[in-house]
PDB file of all heavy atoms in Angstrom:
ATOM      1  N   GLY A   1      49.706 -27.804  57.995  1.00  0.00           N
ATOM      2  CA  GLY A   1      49.806 -27.900  59.446  1.00  0.00           C
ATOM      3  C   GLY A   1      50.690 -29.051  59.890  1.00  0.00           C
ATOM      4  O   GLY A   1      51.394 -28.952  60.902  1.00  0.00           O
ATOM      5  N   ALA A   2      50.679 -30.141  59.140  1.00  0.00           N
ATOM      6  CA  ALA A   2      51.442 -31.331  59.520  1.00  0.00           C
ATOM      7  C   ALA A   2      52.932 -31.066  59.594  1.00  0.00           C
ATOM      8  O   ALA A   2      53.665 -31.759  60.310  1.00  0.00           O
ATOM      9  CB  ALA A   2      51.163 -32.461  58.535  1.00  0.00           C
ATOM     10  N   TYR A   3      53.405 -30.052  58.871  1.00  0.00           N
ATOM     11  CA  TYR A   3      54.840 -29.747  58.862  1.00  0.00           C
ATOM     12  C   TYR A   3      55.190 -28.547  59.741  1.00  0.00           C
ATOM     13  O   TYR A   3      56.323 -28.065  59.690  1.00  0.00           O
ATOM     14  CB  TYR A   3      55.320 -29.539  57.421  1.00  0.00           C
ATOM     15  CG  TYR A   3      55.355 -30.844  56.666  1.00  0.00           C
ATOM     16  CD1 TYR A   3      54.248 -31.283  55.951  1.00  0.00           C
ATOM     17  CD2 TYR A   3      56.474 -31.669  56.710  1.00  0.00           C
ATOM     18  CE1 TYR A   3      54.260 -32.501  55.286  1.00  0.00           C
ATOM     19  CE2 TYR A   3      56.492 -32.887  56.044  1.00  0.00           C
ATOM     20  CZ  TYR A   3      55.390 -33.296  55.341  1.00  0.00           C
ATOM     21  OH  TYR A   3      55.405 -34.504  54.692  1.00  0.00           O
ATOM     22  N   GLY A   4      54.204 -28.088  60.544  1.00  0.00           N
ATOM     23  CA  GLY A   4      54.566 -27.109  61.559  1.00  0.00           C
ATOM     24  C   GLY A   4      53.770 -25.837  61.636  1.00  0.00           C
ATOM     25  O   GLY A   4      53.942 -25.063  62.574  1.00  0.00           O
ATOM     26  N   ALA A   5      52.894 -25.571  60.675  1.00  0.00           N
ATOM     27  CA  ALA A   5      52.122 -24.322  60.726  1.00  0.00           C
ATOM     28  C   ALA A   5      51.096 -24.364  61.850  1.00  0.00           C
ATOM     29  O   ALA A   5      50.386 -25.349  62.021  1.00  0.00           O
ATOM     30  CB  ALA A   5      51.424 -24.068  59.394  1.00  0.00           C
ATOM     31  N   ASP A   6      51.039 -23.286  62.632  1.00  0.00           N
ATOM     32  CA  ASP A   6      50.025 -23.180  63.686  1.00  0.00           C
ATOM     33  C   ASP A   6      48.648 -22.931  63.089  1.00  0.00           C
ATOM     34  O   ASP A   6      47.641 -23.424  63.597  1.00  0.00           O
ATOM     35  CB  ASP A   6      50.374 -22.031  64.640  1.00  0.00           C
ATOM     36  CG  ASP A   6      51.686 -22.275  65.365  1.00  0.00           C
ATOM     37  OD1 ASP A   6      51.801 -23.317  66.031  1.00  0.00           O
ATOM     38  OD2 ASP A   6      52.593 -21.435  65.248  1.00  0.00           O
ATOM     39  N   LYS A   7      48.633 -22.145  62.016  1.00  0.00           N
ATOM     40  CA  LYS A   7      47.364 -21.866  61.354  1.00  0.00           C
ATOM     41  C   LYS A   7      47.586 -21.642  59.863  1.00  0.00           C
ATOM     42  O   LYS A   7      48.717 -21.398  59.417  1.00  0.00           O
ATOM     43  CB  LYS A   7      46.660 -20.661  61.973  1.00  0.00           C
ATOM     44  CG  LYS A   7      47.287 -19.313  61.663  1.00  0.00           C
ATOM     45  CD  LYS A   7      46.428 -18.194  62.280  1.00  0.00           C
ATOM     46  CE  LYS A   7      47.039 -16.819  62.010  1.00  0.00           C
ATOM     47  NZ  LYS A   7      46.255 -15.733  62.641  1.00  0.00           N
ATOM     48  N   VAL A   8      46.511 -21.743  59.121  1.00  0.00           N
ATOM     49  CA  VAL A   8      46.532 -21.472  57.687  1.00  0.00           C
ATOM     50  C   VAL A   8      45.552 -20.349  57.413  1.00  0.00           C
ATOM     51  O   VAL A   8      44.373 -20.437  57.785  1.00  0.00           O
ATOM     52  CB  VAL A   8      46.153 -22.719  56.873  1.00  0.00           C
ATOM     53  CG1 VAL A   8      45.984 -22.361  55.393  1.00  0.00           C
ATOM     54  CG2 VAL A   8      47.211 -23.806  57.026  1.00  0.00           C
ATOM     55  N   ILE A   9      46.063 -19.271  56.822  1.00  0.00           N
ATOM     56  CA  ILE A   9      45.204 -18.161  56.413  1.00  0.00           C
ATOM     57  C   ILE A   9      44.721 -18.483  55.008  1.00  0.00           C
ATOM     58  O   ILE A   9      45.496 -18.484  54.049  1.00  0.00           O
ATOM     59  CB  ILE A   9      45.978 -16.830  56.449  1.00  0.00           C
ATOM     60  CG1 ILE A   9      46.480 -16.553  57.872  1.00  0.00           C
ATOM     61  CG2 ILE A   9      45.099 -15.688  55.955  1.00  0.00           C
ATOM     62  CD1 ILE A   9      47.434 -15.380  57.965  1.00  0.00           C
ATOM     63  N   LEU A  10      43.440 -18.796  54.883  1.00  0.00           N
ATOM     64  CA  LEU A  10      42.875 -19.300  53.634  1.00  0.00           C
ATOM     65  C   LEU A  10      42.205 -18.180  52.851  1.00  0.00           C
ATOM     66  O   LEU A  10      41.276 -17.534  53.336  1.00  0.00           O
ATOM     67  CB  LEU A  10      41.855 -20.405  53.949  1.00  0.00           C
ATOM     68  CG  LEU A  10      41.108 -21.000  52.752  1.00  0.00           C
ATOM     69  CD1 LEU A  10      42.062 -21.731  51.824  1.00  0.00           C
ATOM     70  CD2 LEU A  10      40.005 -21.944  53.237  1.00  0.00           C
ATOM     71  N   CYS A  11      42.699 -17.963  51.655  1.00  0.00           N
ATOM     72  CA  CYS A  11      42.109 -16.988  50.737  1.00  0.00           C
ATOM     73  C   CYS A  11      41.517 -17.780  49.572  1.00  0.00           C
ATOM     74  O   CYS A  11      42.232 -18.141  48.629  1.00  0.00           O
ATOM     75  CB  CYS A  11      43.158 -16.005  50.238  1.00  0.00           C
ATOM     76  SG  CYS A  11      44.050 -15.161  51.565  1.00  0.00           S
ATOM     77  N   ASP A  12      40.229 -18.093  49.663  1.00  0.00           N
ATOM     78  CA  ASP A  12      39.589 -19.004  48.718  1.00  0.00           C
ATOM     79  C   ASP A  12      38.593 -18.228  47.864  1.00  0.00           C
ATOM     80  O   ASP A  12      37.627 -17.663  48.378  1.00  0.00           O
ATOM     81  CB  ASP A  12      38.886 -20.119  49.488  1.00  0.00           C
ATOM     82  CG  ASP A  12      38.703 -21.367  48.646  1.00  0.00           C
ATOM     83  OD1 ASP A  12      38.113 -21.273  47.553  1.00  0.00           O
ATOM     84  OD2 ASP A  12      39.176 -22.445  49.073  1.00  0.00           O
ATOM     85  N   ASP A  13      38.853 -18.208  46.553  1.00  0.00           N
ATOM     86  CA  ASP A  13      37.998 -17.425  45.662  1.00  0.00           C
ATOM     87  C   ASP A  13      38.212 -17.910  44.228  1.00  0.00           C
ATOM     88  O   ASP A  13      39.345 -18.252  43.858  1.00  0.00           O
ATOM     89  CB  ASP A  13      38.351 -15.936  45.769  1.00  0.00           C
ATOM     90  CG  ASP A  13      37.349 -15.054  45.048  1.00  0.00           C
ATOM     91  OD1 ASP A  13      36.337 -14.687  45.659  1.00  0.00           O
ATOM     92  OD2 ASP A  13      37.597 -14.732  43.868  1.00  0.00           O
ATOM     93  N   PRO A  14      37.167 -17.941  43.411  1.00  0.00           N
ATOM     94  CA  PRO A  14      37.330 -18.374  42.018  1.00  0.00           C
ATOM     95  C   PRO A  14      38.362 -17.556  41.237  1.00  0.00           C
ATOM     96  O   PRO A  14      39.005 -18.079  40.323  1.00  0.00           O
ATOM     97  CB  PRO A  14      35.923 -18.184  41.428  1.00  0.00           C
ATOM     98  CG  PRO A  14      35.009 -18.339  42.595  1.00  0.00           C
ATOM     99  CD  PRO A  14      35.746 -17.735  43.756  1.00  0.00           C
ATOM    100  N   SER A  15      38.539 -16.296  41.605  1.00  0.00           N
ATOM    101  CA  SER A  15      39.511 -15.455  40.891  1.00  0.00           C
ATOM    102  C   SER A  15      40.946 -15.883  41.146  1.00  0.00           C
ATOM    103  O   SER A  15      41.872 -15.446  40.458  1.00  0.00           O
ATOM    104  CB  SER A  15      39.338 -13.990  41.292  1.00  0.00           C
ATOM    105  OG  SER A  15      39.683 -13.795  42.657  1.00  0.00           O
ATOM    106  N   LEU A  16      41.137 -16.758  42.158  1.00  0.00           N
ATOM    107  CA  LEU A  16      42.482 -17.201  42.522  1.00  0.00           C
ATOM    108  C   LEU A  16      42.761 -18.630  42.067  1.00  0.00           C
ATOM    109  O   LEU A  16      43.786 -19.213  42.434  1.00  0.00           O
ATOM    110  CB  LEU A  16      42.676 -17.105  44.037  1.00  0.00           C
ATOM    111  CG  LEU A  16      42.434 -15.736  44.660  1.00  0.00           C
ATOM    112  CD1 LEU A  16      42.551 -15.813  46.176  1.00  0.00           C
ATOM    113  CD2 LEU A  16      43.402 -14.704  44.099  1.00  0.00           C
ATOM    114  N   LYS A  17      41.870 -19.192  41.255  1.00  0.00           N
ATOM    115  CA  LYS A  17      42.043 -20.583  40.824  1.00  0.00           C
ATOM    116  C   LYS A  17      43.366 -20.755  40.084  1.00  0.00           C
ATOM    117  O   LYS A  17      44.134 -21.685  40.344  1.00  0.00           O
ATOM    118  CB  LYS A  17      40.876 -20.998  39.926  1.00  0.00           C
ATOM    119  CG  LYS A  17      41.002 -22.430  39.424  1.00  0.00           C
ATOM    120  CD  LYS A  17      39.821 -22.831  38.560  1.00  0.00           C
ATOM    121  CE  LYS A  17      39.978 -24.261  38.067  1.00  0.00           C
ATOM    122  NZ  LYS A  17      38.847 -24.684  37.207  1.00  0.00           N
ATOM    123  N   ASP A  18      43.633 -19.872  39.139  1.00  0.00           N
ATOM    124  CA  ASP A  18      44.900 -19.898  38.388  1.00  0.00           C
ATOM    125  C   ASP A  18      45.712 -18.669  38.762  1.00  0.00           C
ATOM    126  O   ASP A  18      45.165 -17.584  38.977  1.00  0.00           O
ATOM    127  CB  ASP A  18      44.632 -19.903  36.878  1.00  0.00           C
ATOM    128  CG  ASP A  18      43.839 -21.125  36.436  1.00  0.00           C
ATOM    129  OD1 ASP A  18      44.229 -22.244  36.830  1.00  0.00           O
ATOM    130  OD2 ASP A  18      42.845 -20.949  35.707  1.00  0.00           O
ATOM    131  N   TYR A  19      47.013 -18.834  38.830  1.00  0.00           N
ATOM    132  CA  TYR A  19      47.871 -17.730  39.254  1.00  0.00           C
ATOM    133  C   TYR A  19      47.886 -16.601  38.240  1.00  0.00           C
ATOM    134  O   TYR A  19      48.094 -16.806  37.045  1.00  0.00           O
ATOM    135  CB  TYR A  19      49.311 -18.225  39.460  1.00  0.00           C
ATOM    136  CG  TYR A  19      50.269 -17.086  39.728  1.00  0.00           C
ATOM    137  CD1 TYR A  19      50.318 -16.496  40.991  1.00  0.00           C
ATOM    138  CD2 TYR A  19      51.094 -16.573  38.731  1.00  0.00           C
ATOM    139  CE1 TYR A  19      51.162 -15.433  41.244  1.00  0.00           C
ATOM    140  CE2 TYR A  19      51.949 -15.513  38.977  1.00  0.00           C
ATOM    141  CZ  TYR A  19      51.977 -14.947  40.238  1.00  0.00           C
ATOM    142  OH  TYR A  19      52.823 -13.893  40.485  1.00  0.00           O
ATOM    143  N   THR A  20      47.641 -15.401  38.742  1.00  0.00           N
ATOM    144  CA  THR A  20      47.908 -14.172  37.990  1.00  0.00           C
ATOM    145  C   THR A  20      48.590 -13.207  38.944  1.00  0.00           C
ATOM    146  O   THR A  20      48.247 -13.144  40.124  1.00  0.00           O
ATOM    147  CB  THR A  20      46.622 -13.514  37.432  1.00  0.00           C
ATOM    148  OG1 THR A  20      45.741 -13.195  38.502  1.00  0.00           O
ATOM    149  CG2 THR A  20      45.923 -14.432  36.442  1.00  0.00           C
ATOM    150  N   THR A  21      49.523 -12.448  38.441  1.00  0.00           N
ATOM    151  CA  THR A  21      50.319 -11.567  39.300  1.00  0.00           C
ATOM    152  C   THR A  21      49.449 -10.544  40.019  1.00  0.00           C
ATOM    153  O   THR A  21      49.598 -10.328  41.226  1.00  0.00           O
ATOM    154  CB  THR A  21      51.392 -10.836  38.467  1.00  0.00           C
ATOM    155  OG1 THR A  21      52.122 -11.793  37.714  1.00  0.00           O
ATOM    156  CG2 THR A  21      52.342 -10.076  39.367  1.00  0.00           C
ATOM    157  N   ASP A  22      48.525  -9.906  39.284  1.00  0.00           N
ATOM    158  CA  ASP A  22      47.769  -8.821  39.909  1.00  0.00           C
ATOM    159  C   ASP A  22      46.819  -9.330  40.993  1.00  0.00           C
ATOM    160  O   ASP A  22      46.729  -8.747  42.076  1.00  0.00           O
ATOM    161  CB  ASP A  22      47.007  -7.991  38.859  1.00  0.00           C
ATOM    162  CG  ASP A  22      46.154  -8.813  37.912  1.00  0.00           C
ATOM    163  OD1 ASP A  22      46.333 -10.043  37.871  1.00  0.00           O
ATOM    164  OD2 ASP A  22      45.305  -8.219  37.206  1.00  0.00           O
ATOM    165  N   ALA A  23      46.132 -10.455  40.756  1.00  0.00           N
ATOM    166  CA  ALA A  23      45.198 -10.964  41.756  1.00  0.00           C
ATOM    167  C   ALA A  23      45.928 -11.440  43.009  1.00  0.00           C
ATOM    168  O   ALA A  23      45.557 -11.090  44.139  1.00  0.00           O
ATOM    169  CB  ALA A  23      44.379 -12.113  41.163  1.00  0.00           C
ATOM    170  N   TYR A  24      46.976 -12.239  42.830  1.00  0.00           N
ATOM    171  CA  TYR A  24      47.695 -12.781  43.978  1.00  0.00           C
ATOM    172  C   TYR A  24      48.411 -11.675  44.752  1.00  0.00           C
ATOM    173  O   TYR A  24      48.427 -11.679  45.986  1.00  0.00           O
ATOM    174  CB  TYR A  24      48.692 -13.853  43.522  1.00  0.00           C
ATOM    175  CG  TYR A  24      48.103 -15.241  43.451  1.00  0.00           C
ATOM    176  CD1 TYR A  24      46.965 -15.503  42.685  1.00  0.00           C
ATOM    177  CD2 TYR A  24      48.663 -16.296  44.150  1.00  0.00           C
ATOM    178  CE1 TYR A  24      46.422 -16.770  42.606  1.00  0.00           C
ATOM    179  CE2 TYR A  24      48.128 -17.583  44.086  1.00  0.00           C
ATOM    180  CZ  TYR A  24      47.001 -17.807  43.308  1.00  0.00           C
ATOM    181  OH  TYR A  24      46.461 -19.077  43.245  1.00  0.00           O
ATOM    182  N   ALA A  25      49.012 -10.719  44.038  1.00  0.00           N
ATOM    183  CA  ALA A  25      49.704  -9.626  44.721  1.00  0.00           C
ATOM    184  C   ALA A  25      48.727  -8.772  45.519  1.00  0.00           C
ATOM    185  O   ALA A  25      49.025  -8.363  46.646  1.00  0.00           O
ATOM    186  CB  ALA A  25      50.457  -8.763  43.703  1.00  0.00           C
ATOM    187  N   ASP A  26      47.542  -8.511  44.959  1.00  0.00           N
ATOM    188  CA  ASP A  26      46.521  -7.736  45.679  1.00  0.00           C
ATOM    189  C   ASP A  26      46.148  -8.404  46.991  1.00  0.00           C
ATOM    190  O   ASP A  26      46.123  -7.781  48.056  1.00  0.00           O
ATOM    191  CB  ASP A  26      45.267  -7.589  44.805  1.00  0.00           C
ATOM    192  CG  ASP A  26      45.299  -6.342  43.948  1.00  0.00           C
ATOM    193  OD1 ASP A  26      46.291  -5.590  44.050  1.00  0.00           O
ATOM    194  OD2 ASP A  26      44.348  -6.129  43.179  1.00  0.00           O
ATOM    195  N   VAL A  27      45.832  -9.691  46.917  1.00  0.00           N
ATOM    196  CA  VAL A  27      45.367 -10.417  48.098  1.00  0.00           C
ATOM    197  C   VAL A  27      46.464 -10.504  49.152  1.00  0.00           C
ATOM    198  O   VAL A  27      46.233 -10.261  50.347  1.00  0.00           O
ATOM    199  CB  VAL A  27      44.881 -11.828  47.706  1.00  0.00           C
ATOM    200  CG1 VAL A  27      44.583 -12.657  48.952  1.00  0.00           C
ATOM    201  CG2 VAL A  27      43.633 -11.728  46.832  1.00  0.00           C
TER     202      VAL A  27
END
């Protein structure tokens, strides 16, 4: 937000802790 975002869409889940293509692409 400090650099200009009006809002942050937060997708918080243990399955997203480490990057994987299928999980991140799905979300």
